[in-house]
Amino acid sequence: MNETKLHKDVFRHVEAELYAYPLREREMTRLREEILTPFHEESRDLSSTKAGRLPGDPTGQMAVRLAGHAKLMHMERVSSVIEQVYNQLPEVKQEFVRVKYWTSPQRLTAIGVCQKLHISERTYSRWRRQFVQEVAEMLGWN
């Protein structure tokens, strides 16, 4: 791991992704469903039209699908990197990540996390920085 310091905004963005990680699977499932089964309007009485169909907007529909697909690809990539970095951690650091980022609702402060895991505040800061930095580096956000 490279020890260059991350920009504050990048650090915050990665942490936001970490906090949102537990909700990502549900969101990715919803997006996949939207892409596979796009919205179809209910049929109307079209007997007065010659062809029986109104003109559609295939370009707009494709743009919406592609935009949704790009979002899905981004979410899958971020989730995959988080899982990969998390799985490489020792058990005690995995517990730190679960308590710090994935406990909902989060009722512990930094000091509370330290007390629960029996670690110092310095260790808390170091583990937090290392985990966020590793995720950022694997995503290419550093």
Protein backbone atom coordinates (compact mmCIF):
# COMPACT_ATOMS: atom_id res chain seq x y z
CA MET A 1 0.00 0.00 0.00
CA ASN A 2 1.31 3.41 -0.95
CA GLU A 3 1.44 5.84 1.97
CA THR A 4 0.51 8.99 0.01
CA LYS A 5 -2.18 11.01 1.73
CA LEU A 6 -5.61 11.03 0.11
CA HIS A 7 -7.33 14.31 -0.61
CA LYS A 8 -9.99 15.04 2.01
CA ASP A 9 -12.82 14.90 -0.56
CA VAL A 10 -11.68 11.50 -1.87
CA PHE A 11 -11.47 10.18 1.69
CA ARG A 12 -15.02 11.36 2.42
CA HIS A 13 -16.33 9.93 -0.85
CA VAL A 14 -14.81 6.51 -0.15
CA GLU A 15 -16.24 6.57 3.38
CA ALA A 16 -19.67 7.44 1.97
CA GLU A 17 -19.40 4.40 -0.31
CA LEU A 18 -18.41 2.27 2.70
CA TYR A 19 -21.39 3.45 4.75
CA ALA A 20 -23.73 2.79 1.79
CA TYR A 21 -22.27 -0.65 1.03
CA PRO A 22 -24.92 -2.69 2.92
CA LEU A 23 -27.68 -1.01 0.88
CA ARG A 24 -25.92 -1.51 -2.47
CA GLU A 25 -27.02 -5.10 -3.09
CA ARG A 26 -30.68 -4.14 -2.87
CA GLU A 27 -30.12 -1.14 -5.14
CA MET A 28 -28.16 -3.22 -7.68
CA THR A 29 -30.96 -5.82 -7.74
CA ARG A 30 -33.51 -3.06 -8.38
CA LEU A 31 -31.41 -1.58 -11.20
CA ARG A 32 -30.93 -4.98 -12.83
CA GLU A 33 -34.68 -5.51 -12.72
CA GLU A 34 -35.32 -2.09 -14.31
CA ILE A 35 -32.87 -2.80 -17.11
CA LEU A 36 -34.25 -6.28 -17.83
CA THR A 37 -37.91 -5.31 -17.63
CA PRO A 38 -38.30 -1.71 -18.77
CA PHE A 39 -41.52 0.18 -18.12
CA HIS A 40 -44.29 -0.43 -20.64
CA GLU A 41 -47.31 1.83 -20.74
CA GLU A 42 -50.71 0.27 -20.33
CA SER A 43 -52.41 -0.27 -23.66
CA ARG A 44 -54.90 2.42 -24.60
CA ASP A 45 -57.77 2.28 -27.03
CA LEU A 46 -55.91 2.97 -30.23
CA SER A 47 -58.62 1.97 -32.68
CA SER A 48 -58.68 5.47 -34.13
CA THR A 49 -55.05 5.35 -35.23
CA LYS A 50 -54.18 3.77 -38.54
CA ALA A 51 -51.28 1.60 -37.39
CA GLY A 52 -52.66 1.01 -33.93
CA ARG A 53 -49.50 2.35 -32.27
CA LEU A 54 -48.20 5.72 -31.29
CA PRO A 55 -44.64 6.62 -32.18
CA GLY A 56 -42.15 5.78 -29.46
CA ASP A 57 -38.86 7.25 -28.43
CA PRO A 58 -36.36 4.42 -28.90
CA THR A 59 -33.36 6.73 -28.64
CA GLY A 60 -34.55 8.12 -25.33
CA GLN A 61 -35.36 4.66 -24.04
CA MET A 62 -31.91 3.38 -25.01
CA ALA A 63 -30.22 6.39 -23.37
CA VAL A 64 -32.09 5.74 -20.15
CA ARG A 65 -31.13 2.06 -20.23
CA LEU A 66 -27.49 2.83 -20.94
CA ALA A 67 -27.36 5.47 -18.19
CA GLY A 68 -28.88 3.01 -15.76
CA HIS A 69 -26.48 0.33 -16.90
CA ALA A 70 -23.47 2.61 -16.39
CA LYS A 71 -24.65 3.31 -12.85
CA LEU A 72 -25.07 -0.41 -12.24
CA MET A 73 -21.57 -1.13 -13.53
CA HIS A 74 -20.13 1.56 -11.23
CA MET A 75 -21.97 0.19 -8.21
CA GLU A 76 -20.86 -3.37 -8.97
CA ARG A 77 -17.24 -2.25 -9.37
CA VAL A 78 -17.23 -0.32 -6.08
CA SER A 79 -18.93 -3.18 -4.21
CA SER A 80 -16.50 -5.69 -5.66
CA VAL A 81 -13.47 -3.65 -4.58
CA ILE A 82 -14.87 -3.14 -1.08
CA GLU A 83 -15.48 -6.90 -0.74
CA GLN A 84 -12.02 -7.70 -2.07
CA VAL A 85 -10.23 -5.35 0.35
CA TYR A 86 -12.46 -6.46 3.24
CA ASN A 87 -11.78 -10.16 2.60
CA GLN A 88 -8.01 -9.55 2.67
CA LEU A 89 -8.19 -8.06 6.17
CA PRO A 90 -7.44 -10.03 9.35
CA GLU A 91 -10.51 -10.91 11.42
CA VAL A 92 -9.97 -8.14 13.99
CA LYS A 93 -9.87 -5.48 11.24
CA GLN A 94 -12.94 -7.01 9.58
CA GLU A 95 -14.75 -6.60 12.89
CA PHE A 96 -13.58 -2.97 12.96
CA VAL A 97 -15.05 -2.36 9.48
CA ARG A 98 -18.34 -4.04 10.43
CA VAL A 99 -18.67 -1.99 13.62
CA LYS A 100 -17.48 1.31 12.12
CA TYR A 101 -19.25 1.28 8.75
CA TRP A 102 -21.90 -1.43 8.56
CA THR A 103 -23.68 -1.29 11.93
CA SER A 104 -27.08 0.27 11.48
CA PRO A 105 -28.12 2.37 13.24
CA GLN A 106 -24.66 3.54 14.24
CA ARG A 107 -24.79 4.59 17.87
CA LEU A 108 -21.07 4.42 18.66
CA THR A 109 -18.66 7.31 18.44
CA ALA A 110 -15.01 6.74 17.57
CA ILE A 111 -14.30 6.30 21.27
CA GLY A 112 -17.18 3.84 21.57
CA VAL A 113 -15.80 1.77 18.69
CA CYS A 114 -12.38 1.80 20.38
CA GLN A 115 -13.84 0.61 23.67
CA LYS A 116 -15.92 -2.11 22.02
CA LEU A 117 -12.93 -3.48 20.08
CA HIS A 118 -10.37 -2.80 22.85
CA ILE A 119 -8.12 -0.68 20.62
CA SER A 120 -6.54 2.74 21.07
CA GLU A 121 -7.76 5.85 19.29
CA ARG A 122 -4.50 5.89 17.35
CA THR A 123 -5.10 2.33 16.14
CA TYR A 124 -8.66 3.32 15.21
CA SER A 125 -7.38 6.22 13.11
CA ARG A 126 -4.66 4.12 11.48
CA TRP A 127 -6.99 1.23 10.57
CA ARG A 128 -9.61 3.64 9.24
CA ARG A 129 -7.08 5.50 7.10
CA GLN A 130 -5.48 2.29 5.81
CA PHE A 131 -8.80 0.68 4.85
CA VAL A 132 -10.13 3.79 3.10
CA GLN A 133 -6.81 4.34 1.32
CA GLU A 134 -6.65 0.72 0.12
CA VAL A 135 -10.18 0.94 -1.31
CA ALA A 136 -9.39 4.28 -2.98
CA GLU A 137 -6.20 2.91 -4.53
CA MET A 138 -7.93 -0.17 -5.92
CA LEU A 139 -10.63 2.05 -7.42
CA GLY A 140 -7.99 4.39 -8.86
CA TRP A 141 -9.36 7.36 -6.93
CA ASN A 142 -6.09 8.35 -5.26
